[in-house]
Amino acid sequence: MTFPILRNYVDQSILVTEQEIERAMIRSLEHQQMYLEGAGASTIAAIKKLDFPPKTQIVGIITAQNIAFKKFLDVINRKDALLNTD
């Protein structure tokens, strides 16, 4: 039911990997002090993949904190490995 509606309004879809999502989670915590769940961080990971002209205004929907703290700590503990693969 949702797909036909989205097809009329969505111009582009962007696939992101689990590692890209986890990197976005870490960067959000480090740079914006935002504790994000994977779904919210996926927006940031997708935007990061796009090439925008300078001063382009971007709006993304970001959800937060609907993640078990242990899962978030697991991501943080892999920080060095995740951030050194860019």
Protein backbone atom coordinates (compact mmCIF):
# COMPACT_ATOMS: atom_id res chain seq x y z
CA MET A 1 0.00 0.00 0.00
CA THR A 2 2.84 2.41 0.84
CA PHE A 3 5.01 1.76 -2.22
CA PRO A 4 2.59 3.21 -4.82
CA ILE A 5 2.27 6.37 -2.74
CA LEU A 6 6.03 6.73 -2.30
CA ARG A 7 6.64 6.13 -6.00
CA ASN A 8 4.77 9.38 -6.69
CA TYR A 9 6.79 11.46 -4.25
CA VAL A 10 10.28 9.96 -3.87
CA ASP A 11 12.84 11.03 -6.44
CA GLN A 12 15.76 8.92 -5.28
CA SER A 13 16.66 6.12 -2.87
CA ILE A 14 20.12 5.69 -1.41
CA LEU A 15 21.43 2.43 0.02
CA VAL A 16 23.77 2.60 2.98
CA THR A 17 25.74 -0.17 4.67
CA GLU A 18 25.61 -1.11 8.34
CA GLN A 19 29.14 0.28 8.71
CA GLU A 20 28.11 3.62 7.18
CA ILE A 21 25.18 3.79 9.60
CA GLU A 22 27.42 2.98 12.56
CA ARG A 23 29.94 5.64 11.46
CA ALA A 24 27.12 8.17 11.32
CA MET A 25 26.03 7.14 14.82
CA ILE A 26 29.54 7.74 16.15
CA ARG A 27 30.02 11.03 14.31
CA SER A 28 26.66 12.29 15.54
CA LEU A 29 27.65 11.59 19.11
CA GLU A 30 31.09 13.17 18.70
CA HIS A 31 30.11 16.27 16.72
CA GLN A 32 26.50 17.04 17.68
CA GLN A 33 26.24 15.17 21.00
CA MET A 34 23.27 13.28 19.54
CA TYR A 35 22.70 9.68 20.63
CA LEU A 36 21.04 8.21 17.53
CA GLU A 37 19.50 4.91 16.64
CA GLY A 38 20.44 3.30 13.35
CA ALA A 39 17.32 4.47 11.52
CA GLY A 40 18.05 8.10 12.34
CA ALA A 41 21.73 7.77 11.58
CA SER A 42 20.91 6.21 8.20
CA THR A 43 19.65 9.63 7.08
CA ILE A 44 23.04 11.14 7.86
CA ALA A 45 24.87 8.24 6.19
CA ALA A 46 22.80 8.70 3.03
CA ILE A 47 23.29 12.48 2.89
CA LYS A 48 27.02 11.95 3.30
CA LYS A 49 27.04 9.86 0.10
CA LEU A 50 25.57 12.66 -2.00
CA ASP A 51 27.48 15.46 -3.68
CA PHE A 52 25.83 18.82 -3.02
CA PRO A 53 26.91 22.22 -4.34
CA PRO A 54 28.32 24.55 -1.66
CA LYS A 55 25.75 26.22 0.61
CA THR A 56 23.00 23.78 -0.38
CA GLN A 57 20.37 23.54 2.34
CA ILE A 58 19.55 19.97 3.29
CA VAL A 59 16.72 18.67 5.46
CA GLY A 60 16.82 15.17 6.88
CA ILE A 61 14.53 13.40 9.33
CA ILE A 62 16.55 12.07 12.23
CA THR A 63 15.16 9.88 14.99
CA ALA A 64 17.02 9.26 18.20
CA GLN A 65 17.56 7.09 21.22
CA ASN A 66 15.39 4.13 20.31
CA ILE A 67 18.34 1.79 20.67
CA ALA A 68 19.42 -0.41 23.53
CA PHE A 69 22.34 1.21 25.32
CA LYS A 70 24.37 -2.01 25.11
CA LYS A 71 23.96 -2.06 21.32
CA PHE A 72 25.07 1.56 21.16
CA LEU A 73 28.12 0.73 23.30
CA ASP A 74 28.97 -2.13 20.93
CA VAL A 75 29.07 0.41 18.08
CA ILE A 76 31.20 2.81 20.13
CA ASN A 77 33.62 -0.01 21.00
CA ARG A 78 34.18 -0.59 17.27
CA LYS A 79 34.81 3.13 16.72
CA ASP A 80 38.45 2.93 15.67
CA ALA A 81 37.82 0.16 13.16
CA LEU A 82 34.76 1.89 11.73
CA LEU A 83 36.29 5.35 11.35
CA ASN A 84 39.58 4.13 9.89
CA THR A 85 37.89 2.51 6.88
CA ASP A 86 36.80 5.77 5.17
